[in-house]
Amino acid sequence: MNEEVIEIHIREGDDYIKLGQALKLAGLVGSGVEAKMIIQDGIVSVNDQIDTRRGRKLYPGDVVSFENNEIRVL
């Protein structure tokens, strides 16, 4: 199965977006609770490393992987 690449933009005036917010913005989860669960389960990686912190700050250039999806932060 091909990996889908989703590009998300940090809101103007902000320096970063949190991991849970990025998953919601990309449409990969329906709620913050769902984001928290998959992050804590260790199935989300940031820059090729598993990260279990929902509040992990993502900056432009970071890449999040979850299932067959890749989120690029711009």
PDB file of N, CA and C in Angstrom:
ATOM      1  N   MET A   1       0.850  -1.179   0.000  1.00  0.00           N
ATOM      2  CA  MET A   1       0.000   0.000   0.000  1.00  0.00           C
ATOM      3  C   MET A   1       0.896   1.243   0.000  1.00  0.00           C
ATOM      4  N   ASN A   2       0.547   2.203  -0.819  1.00  0.00           N
ATOM      5  CA  ASN A   2       1.335   3.432  -0.897  1.00  0.00           C
ATOM      6  C   ASN A   2       1.065   4.326   0.299  1.00  0.00           C
ATOM      7  N   GLU A   3       2.101   5.010   0.708  1.00  0.00           N
ATOM      8  CA  GLU A   3       1.974   5.934   1.828  1.00  0.00           C
ATOM      9  C   GLU A   3       1.423   7.262   1.323  1.00  0.00           C
ATOM     10  N   GLU A   4       0.432   7.793   2.022  1.00  0.00           N
ATOM     11  CA  GLU A   4      -0.137   9.087   1.658  1.00  0.00           C
ATOM     12  C   GLU A   4       0.628  10.180   2.396  1.00  0.00           C
ATOM     13  N   VAL A   5       0.959  11.257   1.671  1.00  0.00           N
ATOM     14  CA  VAL A   5       1.644  12.391   2.272  1.00  0.00           C
ATOM     15  C   VAL A   5       0.643  13.529   2.448  1.00  0.00           C
ATOM     16  N   ILE A   6       0.537  14.000   3.689  1.00  0.00           N
ATOM     17  CA  ILE A   6      -0.373  15.097   4.022  1.00  0.00           C
ATOM     18  C   ILE A   6       0.475  16.257   4.508  1.00  0.00           C
ATOM     19  N   GLU A   7       0.296  17.410   3.893  1.00  0.00           N
ATOM     20  CA  GLU A   7       1.048  18.594   4.310  1.00  0.00           C
ATOM     21  C   GLU A   7       0.148  19.458   5.186  1.00  0.00           C
ATOM     22  N   ILE A   8       0.675  19.867   6.344  1.00  0.00           N
ATOM     23  CA  ILE A   8      -0.078  20.772   7.202  1.00  0.00           C
ATOM     24  C   ILE A   8       0.780  22.006   7.470  1.00  0.00           C
ATOM     25  N   HIS A   9       0.113  23.116   7.638  1.00  0.00           N
ATOM     26  CA  HIS A   9       0.803  24.376   7.869  1.00  0.00           C
ATOM     27  C   HIS A   9       0.570  24.834   9.305  1.00  0.00           C
ATOM     28  N   ILE A  10       1.625  25.303   9.928  1.00  0.00           N
ATOM     29  CA  ILE A  10       1.509  25.877  11.263  1.00  0.00           C
ATOM     30  C   ILE A  10       0.785  27.213  11.118  1.00  0.00           C
ATOM     31  N   ARG A  11      -0.140  27.457  12.004  1.00  0.00           N
ATOM     32  CA  ARG A  11      -0.929  28.687  11.958  1.00  0.00           C
ATOM     33  C   ARG A  11      -0.014  29.904  12.026  1.00  0.00           C
ATOM     34  N   GLU A  12      -0.338  30.903  11.225  1.00  0.00           N
ATOM     35  CA  GLU A  12       0.468  32.131  11.204  1.00  0.00           C
ATOM     36  C   GLU A  12       0.566  32.729  12.601  1.00  0.00           C
ATOM     37  N   GLY A  13       1.760  33.069  12.985  1.00  0.00           N
ATOM     38  CA  GLY A  13       1.993  33.630  14.308  1.00  0.00           C
ATOM     39  C   GLY A  13       2.436  32.598  15.331  1.00  0.00           C
ATOM     40  N   ASP A  14       2.253  31.308  15.006  1.00  0.00           N
ATOM     41  CA  ASP A  14       2.691  30.232  15.903  1.00  0.00           C
ATOM     42  C   ASP A  14       4.031  29.678  15.418  1.00  0.00           C
ATOM     43  N   ASP A  15       4.848  29.217  16.355  1.00  0.00           N
ATOM     44  CA  ASP A  15       6.146  28.635  16.017  1.00  0.00           C
ATOM     45  C   ASP A  15       6.063  27.130  15.830  1.00  0.00           C
ATOM     46  N   TYR A  16       5.036  26.501  16.401  1.00  0.00           N
ATOM     47  CA  TYR A  16       4.933  25.043  16.376  1.00  0.00           C
ATOM     48  C   TYR A  16       3.480  24.615  16.449  1.00  0.00           C
ATOM     49  N   ILE A  17       3.246  23.318  16.239  1.00  0.00           N
ATOM     50  CA  ILE A  17       1.941  22.700  16.446  1.00  0.00           C
ATOM     51  C   ILE A  17       2.198  21.443  17.274  1.00  0.00           C
ATOM     52  N   LYS A  18       1.292  21.114  18.162  1.00  0.00           N
ATOM     53  CA  LYS A  18       1.470  19.917  18.986  1.00  0.00           C
ATOM     54  C   LYS A  18       1.071  18.674  18.203  1.00  0.00           C
ATOM     55  N   LEU A  19       1.695  17.553  18.563  1.00  0.00           N
ATOM     56  CA  LEU A  19       1.499  16.296  17.846  1.00  0.00           C
ATOM     57  C   LEU A  19       0.024  15.907  17.758  1.00  0.00           C
ATOM     58  N   GLY A  20      -0.694  15.953  18.861  1.00  0.00           N
ATOM     59  CA  GLY A  20      -2.120  15.597  18.844  1.00  0.00           C
ATOM     60  C   GLY A  20      -2.919  16.498  17.926  1.00  0.00           C
ATOM     61  N   GLN A  21      -2.609  17.793  17.930  1.00  0.00           N
ATOM     62  CA  GLN A  21      -3.300  18.748  17.062  1.00  0.00           C
ATOM     63  C   GLN A  21      -2.995  18.460  15.595  1.00  0.00           C
ATOM     64  N   ALA A  22      -1.755  18.092  15.303  1.00  0.00           N
ATOM     65  CA  ALA A  22      -1.363  17.799  13.924  1.00  0.00           C
ATOM     66  C   ALA A  22      -2.135  16.595  13.387  1.00  0.00           C
ATOM     67  N   LEU A  23      -2.287  15.560  14.215  1.00  0.00           N
ATOM     68  CA  LEU A  23      -3.041  14.379  13.785  1.00  0.00           C
ATOM     69  C   LEU A  23      -4.494  14.732  13.497  1.00  0.00           C
ATOM     70  N   LYS A  24      -5.080  15.596  14.322  1.00  0.00           N
ATOM     71  CA  LYS A  24      -6.466  16.029  14.091  1.00  0.00           C
ATOM     72  C   LYS A  24      -6.560  16.884  12.836  1.00  0.00           C
ATOM     73  N   LEU A  25      -5.641  17.836  12.675  1.00  0.00           N
ATOM     74  CA  LEU A  25      -5.659  18.720  11.521  1.00  0.00           C
ATOM     75  C   LEU A  25      -5.512  17.942  10.222  1.00  0.00           C
ATOM     76  N   ALA A  26      -4.707  16.895  10.246  1.00  0.00           N
ATOM     77  CA  ALA A  26      -4.493  16.067   9.059  1.00  0.00           C
ATOM     78  C   ALA A  26      -5.681  15.138   8.783  1.00  0.00           C
ATOM     79  N   GLY A  27      -6.625  15.065   9.731  1.00  0.00           N
ATOM     80  CA  GLY A  27      -7.803  14.229   9.549  1.00  0.00           C
ATOM     81  C   GLY A  27      -7.559  12.753   9.822  1.00  0.00           C
ATOM     82  N   LEU A  28      -6.474  12.437  10.527  1.00  0.00           N
ATOM     83  CA  LEU A  28      -6.158  11.036  10.805  1.00  0.00           C
ATOM     84  C   LEU A  28      -6.824  10.513  12.070  1.00  0.00           C
ATOM     85  N   VAL A  29      -7.273  11.416  12.924  1.00  0.00           N
ATOM     86  CA  VAL A  29      -8.043  11.049  14.114  1.00  0.00           C
ATOM     87  C   VAL A  29      -9.230  11.998  14.220  1.00  0.00           C
ATOM     88  N   GLY A  30     -10.254  11.541  14.935  1.00  0.00           N
ATOM     89  CA  GLY A  30     -11.459  12.347  15.044  1.00  0.00           C
ATOM     90  C   GLY A  30     -11.525  13.216  16.284  1.00  0.00           C
ATOM     91  N   SER A  31     -10.662  12.922  17.265  1.00  0.00           N
ATOM     92  CA  SER A  31     -10.726  13.674  18.517  1.00  0.00           C
ATOM     93  C   SER A  31      -9.375  13.677  19.211  1.00  0.00           C
ATOM     94  N   GLY A  32      -9.252  14.560  20.190  1.00  0.00           N
ATOM     95  CA  GLY A  32      -8.039  14.604  20.992  1.00  0.00           C
ATOM     96  C   GLY A  32      -7.847  13.329  21.792  1.00  0.00           C
ATOM     97  N   VAL A  33      -8.944  12.726  22.227  1.00  0.00           N
ATOM     98  CA  VAL A  33      -8.871  11.474  22.989  1.00  0.00           C
ATOM     99  C   VAL A  33      -8.313  10.365  22.104  1.00  0.00           C
ATOM    100  N   GLU A  34      -8.786  10.293  20.868  1.00  0.00           N
ATOM    101  CA  GLU A  34      -8.277   9.281  19.940  1.00  0.00           C
ATOM    102  C   GLU A  34      -6.788   9.513  19.655  1.00  0.00           C
ATOM    103  N   ALA A  35      -6.405  10.766  19.471  1.00  0.00           N
ATOM    104  CA  ALA A  35      -4.989  11.095  19.250  1.00  0.00           C
ATOM    105  C   ALA A  35      -4.150  10.649  20.442  1.00  0.00           C
ATOM    106  N   LYS A  36      -4.626  10.949  21.641  1.00  0.00           N
ATOM    107  CA  LYS A  36      -3.898  10.582  22.858  1.00  0.00           C
ATOM    108  C   LYS A  36      -3.685   9.070  22.919  1.00  0.00           C
ATOM    109  N   MET A  37      -4.727   8.308  22.585  1.00  0.00           N
ATOM    110  CA  MET A  37      -4.649   6.853  22.670  1.00  0.00           C
ATOM    111  C   MET A  37      -3.619   6.289  21.697  1.00  0.00           C
ATOM    112  N   ILE A  38      -3.640   6.723  20.439  1.00  0.00           N
ATOM    113  CA  ILE A  38      -2.703   6.139  19.475  1.00  0.00           C
ATOM    114  C   ILE A  38      -1.270   6.594  19.747  1.00  0.00           C
ATOM    115  N   ILE A  39      -1.113   7.806  20.254  1.00  0.00           N
ATOM    116  CA  ILE A  39       0.233   8.292  20.597  1.00  0.00           C
ATOM    117  C   ILE A  39       0.781   7.475  21.766  1.00  0.00           C
ATOM    118  N   GLN A  40      -0.028   7.297  22.816  1.00  0.00           N
ATOM    119  CA  GLN A  40       0.418   6.542  23.984  1.00  0.00           C
ATOM    120  C   GLN A  40       0.656   5.069  23.666  1.00  0.00           C
ATOM    121  N   ASP A  41      -0.023   4.547  22.636  1.00  0.00           N
ATOM    122  CA  ASP A  41       0.176   3.151  22.230  1.00  0.00           C
ATOM    123  C   ASP A  41       1.491   2.949  21.480  1.00  0.00           C
ATOM    124  N   GLY A  42       2.189   4.051  21.182  1.00  0.00           N
ATOM    125  CA  GLY A  42       3.495   3.946  20.529  1.00  0.00           C
ATOM    126  C   GLY A  42       3.444   3.609  19.055  1.00  0.00           C
ATOM    127  N   ILE A  43       2.356   4.003  18.379  1.00  0.00           N
ATOM    128  CA  ILE A  43       2.253   3.708  16.943  1.00  0.00           C
ATOM    129  C   ILE A  43       2.391   4.950  16.080  1.00  0.00           C
ATOM    130  N   VAL A  44       2.833   6.043  16.687  1.00  0.00           N
ATOM    131  CA  VAL A  44       3.080   7.286  15.949  1.00  0.00           C
ATOM    132  C   VAL A  44       4.564   7.609  16.082  1.00  0.00           C
ATOM    133  N   SER A  45       5.193   7.934  14.967  1.00  0.00           N
ATOM    134  CA  SER A  45       6.598   8.318  15.038  1.00  0.00           C
ATOM    135  C   SER A  45       6.793   9.731  14.501  1.00  0.00           C
ATOM    136  N   VAL A  46       7.789  10.392  15.060  1.00  0.00           N
ATOM    137  CA  VAL A  46       8.163  11.735  14.636  1.00  0.00           C
ATOM    138  C   VAL A  46       9.621  11.654  14.201  1.00  0.00           C
ATOM    139  N   ASN A  47       9.865  12.020  12.949  1.00  0.00           N
ATOM    140  CA  ASN A  47      11.224  11.963  12.396  1.00  0.00           C
ATOM    141  C   ASN A  47      11.844  10.576  12.608  1.00  0.00           C
ATOM    142  N   ASP A  48      11.044   9.543  12.323  1.00  0.00           N
ATOM    143  CA  ASP A  48      11.469   8.140  12.379  1.00  0.00           C
ATOM    144  C   ASP A  48      11.758   7.615  13.779  1.00  0.00           C
ATOM    145  N   GLN A  49      11.244   8.289  14.811  1.00  0.00           N
ATOM    146  CA  GLN A  49      11.391   7.794  16.180  1.00  0.00           C
ATOM    147  C   GLN A  49      10.026   7.809  16.862  1.00  0.00           C
ATOM    148  N   ILE A  50       9.695   6.701  17.521  1.00  0.00           N
ATOM    149  CA  ILE A  50       8.426   6.630  18.253  1.00  0.00           C
ATOM    150  C   ILE A  50       8.405   7.732  19.307  1.00  0.00           C
ATOM    151  N   ASP A  51       7.268   8.432  19.393  1.00  0.00           N
ATOM    152  CA  ASP A  51       7.116   9.475  20.414  1.00  0.00           C
ATOM    153  C   ASP A  51       5.763   9.291  21.070  1.00  0.00           C
ATOM    154  N   THR A  52       5.745   9.193  22.397  1.00  0.00           N
ATOM    155  CA  THR A  52       4.493   8.946  23.121  1.00  0.00           C
ATOM    156  C   THR A  52       3.974  10.198  23.818  1.00  0.00           C
ATOM    157  N   ARG A  53       4.483  11.368  23.429  1.00  0.00           N
ATOM    158  CA  ARG A  53       4.041  12.622  24.055  1.00  0.00           C
ATOM    159  C   ARG A  53       3.057  13.349  23.147  1.00  0.00           C
ATOM    160  N   ARG A  54       1.811  13.431  23.585  1.00  0.00           N
ATOM    161  CA  ARG A  54       0.782  14.113  22.796  1.00  0.00           C
ATOM    162  C   ARG A  54       1.140  15.583  22.606  1.00  0.00           C
ATOM    163  N   GLY A  55       1.792  16.164  23.594  1.00  0.00           N
ATOM    164  CA  GLY A  55       2.154  17.579  23.542  1.00  0.00           C
ATOM    165  C   GLY A  55       3.473  17.849  22.843  1.00  0.00           C
ATOM    166  N   ARG A  56       4.063  16.833  22.230  1.00  0.00           N
ATOM    167  CA  ARG A  56       5.329  17.005  21.494  1.00  0.00           C
ATOM    168  C   ARG A  56       5.169  18.161  20.506  1.00  0.00           C
ATOM    169  N   LYS A  57       6.084  19.101  20.550  1.00  0.00           N
ATOM    170  CA  LYS A  57       6.028  20.253  19.654  1.00  0.00           C
ATOM    171  C   LYS A  57       6.646  19.895  18.317  1.00  0.00           C
ATOM    172  N   LEU A  58       5.903  20.183  17.256  1.00  0.00           N
ATOM    173  CA  LEU A  58       6.376  19.937  15.901  1.00  0.00           C
ATOM    174  C   LEU A  58       6.682  21.270  15.240  1.00  0.00           C
ATOM    175  N   TYR A  59       7.790  21.316  14.538  1.00  0.00           N
ATOM    176  CA  TYR A  59       8.236  22.522  13.863  1.00  0.00           C
ATOM    177  C   TYR A  59       8.326  22.259  12.360  1.00  0.00           C
ATOM    178  N   PRO A  60       8.375  23.317  11.550  1.00  0.00           N
ATOM    179  CA  PRO A  60       8.507  23.099  10.102  1.00  0.00           C
ATOM    180  C   PRO A  60       9.677  22.164   9.799  1.00  0.00           C
ATOM    181  N   GLY A  61       9.405  21.197   8.929  1.00  0.00           N
ATOM    182  CA  GLY A  61      10.419  20.208   8.568  1.00  0.00           C
ATOM    183  C   GLY A  61      10.231  18.881   9.270  1.00  0.00           C
ATOM    184  N   ASP A  62       9.469  18.857  10.367  1.00  0.00           N
ATOM    185  CA  ASP A  62       9.212  17.598  11.066  1.00  0.00           C
ATOM    186  C   ASP A  62       8.285  16.723  10.222  1.00  0.00           C
ATOM    187  N   VAL A  63       8.462  15.402  10.356  1.00  0.00           N
ATOM    188  CA  VAL A  63       7.643  14.439   9.626  1.00  0.00           C
ATOM    189  C   VAL A  63       7.062  13.446  10.624  1.00  0.00           C
ATOM    190  N   VAL A  64       5.739  13.312  10.596  1.00  0.00           N
ATOM    191  CA  VAL A  64       5.021  12.386  11.484  1.00  0.00           C
ATOM    192  C   VAL A  64       4.537  11.217  10.645  1.00  0.00           C
ATOM    193  N   SER A  65       4.725   9.994  11.142  1.00  0.00           N
ATOM    194  CA  SER A  65       4.243   8.809  10.447  1.00  0.00           C
ATOM    195  C   SER A  65       3.251   8.073  11.337  1.00  0.00           C
ATOM    196  N   PHE A  66       2.132   7.677  10.717  1.00  0.00           N
ATOM    197  CA  PHE A  66       1.100   6.922  11.421  1.00  0.00           C
ATOM    198  C   PHE A  66       0.407   6.033  10.400  1.00  0.00           C
ATOM    199  N   GLU A  67       0.440   4.730  10.631  1.00  0.00           N
ATOM    200  CA  GLU A  67      -0.098   3.745   9.696  1.00  0.00           C
ATOM    201  C   GLU A  67       0.527   4.005   8.329  1.00  0.00           C
ATOM    202  N   ASN A  68      -0.243   4.169   7.279  1.00  0.00           N
ATOM    203  CA  ASN A  68       0.319   4.403   5.942  1.00  0.00           C
ATOM    204  C   ASN A  68       0.235   5.872   5.563  1.00  0.00           C
ATOM    205  N   ASN A  69       0.372   6.744   6.543  1.00  0.00           N
ATOM    206  CA  ASN A  69       0.274   8.172   6.288  1.00  0.00           C
ATOM    207  C   ASN A  69       1.520   8.881   6.804  1.00  0.00           C
ATOM    208  N   GLU A  70       1.880   9.923   6.110  1.00  0.00           N
ATOM    209  CA  GLU A  70       3.004  10.750   6.508  1.00  0.00           C
ATOM    210  C   GLU A  70       2.521  12.195   6.535  1.00  0.00           C
ATOM    211  N   ILE A  71       2.744  12.870   7.663  1.00  0.00           N
ATOM    212  CA  ILE A  71       2.380  14.282   7.795  1.00  0.00           C
ATOM    213  C   ILE A  71       3.658  15.090   7.745  1.00  0.00           C
ATOM    214  N   ARG A  72       3.706  16.032   6.831  1.00  0.00           N
ATOM    215  CA  ARG A  72       4.850  16.948   6.754  1.00  0.00           C
ATOM    216  C   ARG A  72       4.419  18.306   7.279  1.00  0.00           C
ATOM    217  N   VAL A  73       5.176  18.799   8.250  1.00  0.00           N
ATOM    218  CA  VAL A  73       4.852  20.090   8.860  1.00  0.00           C
ATOM    219  C   VAL A  73       5.570  21.187   8.091  1.00  0.00           C
ATOM    220  N   LEU A  74       4.795  22.151   7.615  1.00  0.00           N
ATOM    221  CA  LEU A  74       5.338  23.262   6.821  1.00  0.00           C
ATOM    222  C   LEU A  74       5.198  24.567   7.563  1.00  0.00           C
TER     223      LEU A  74
END
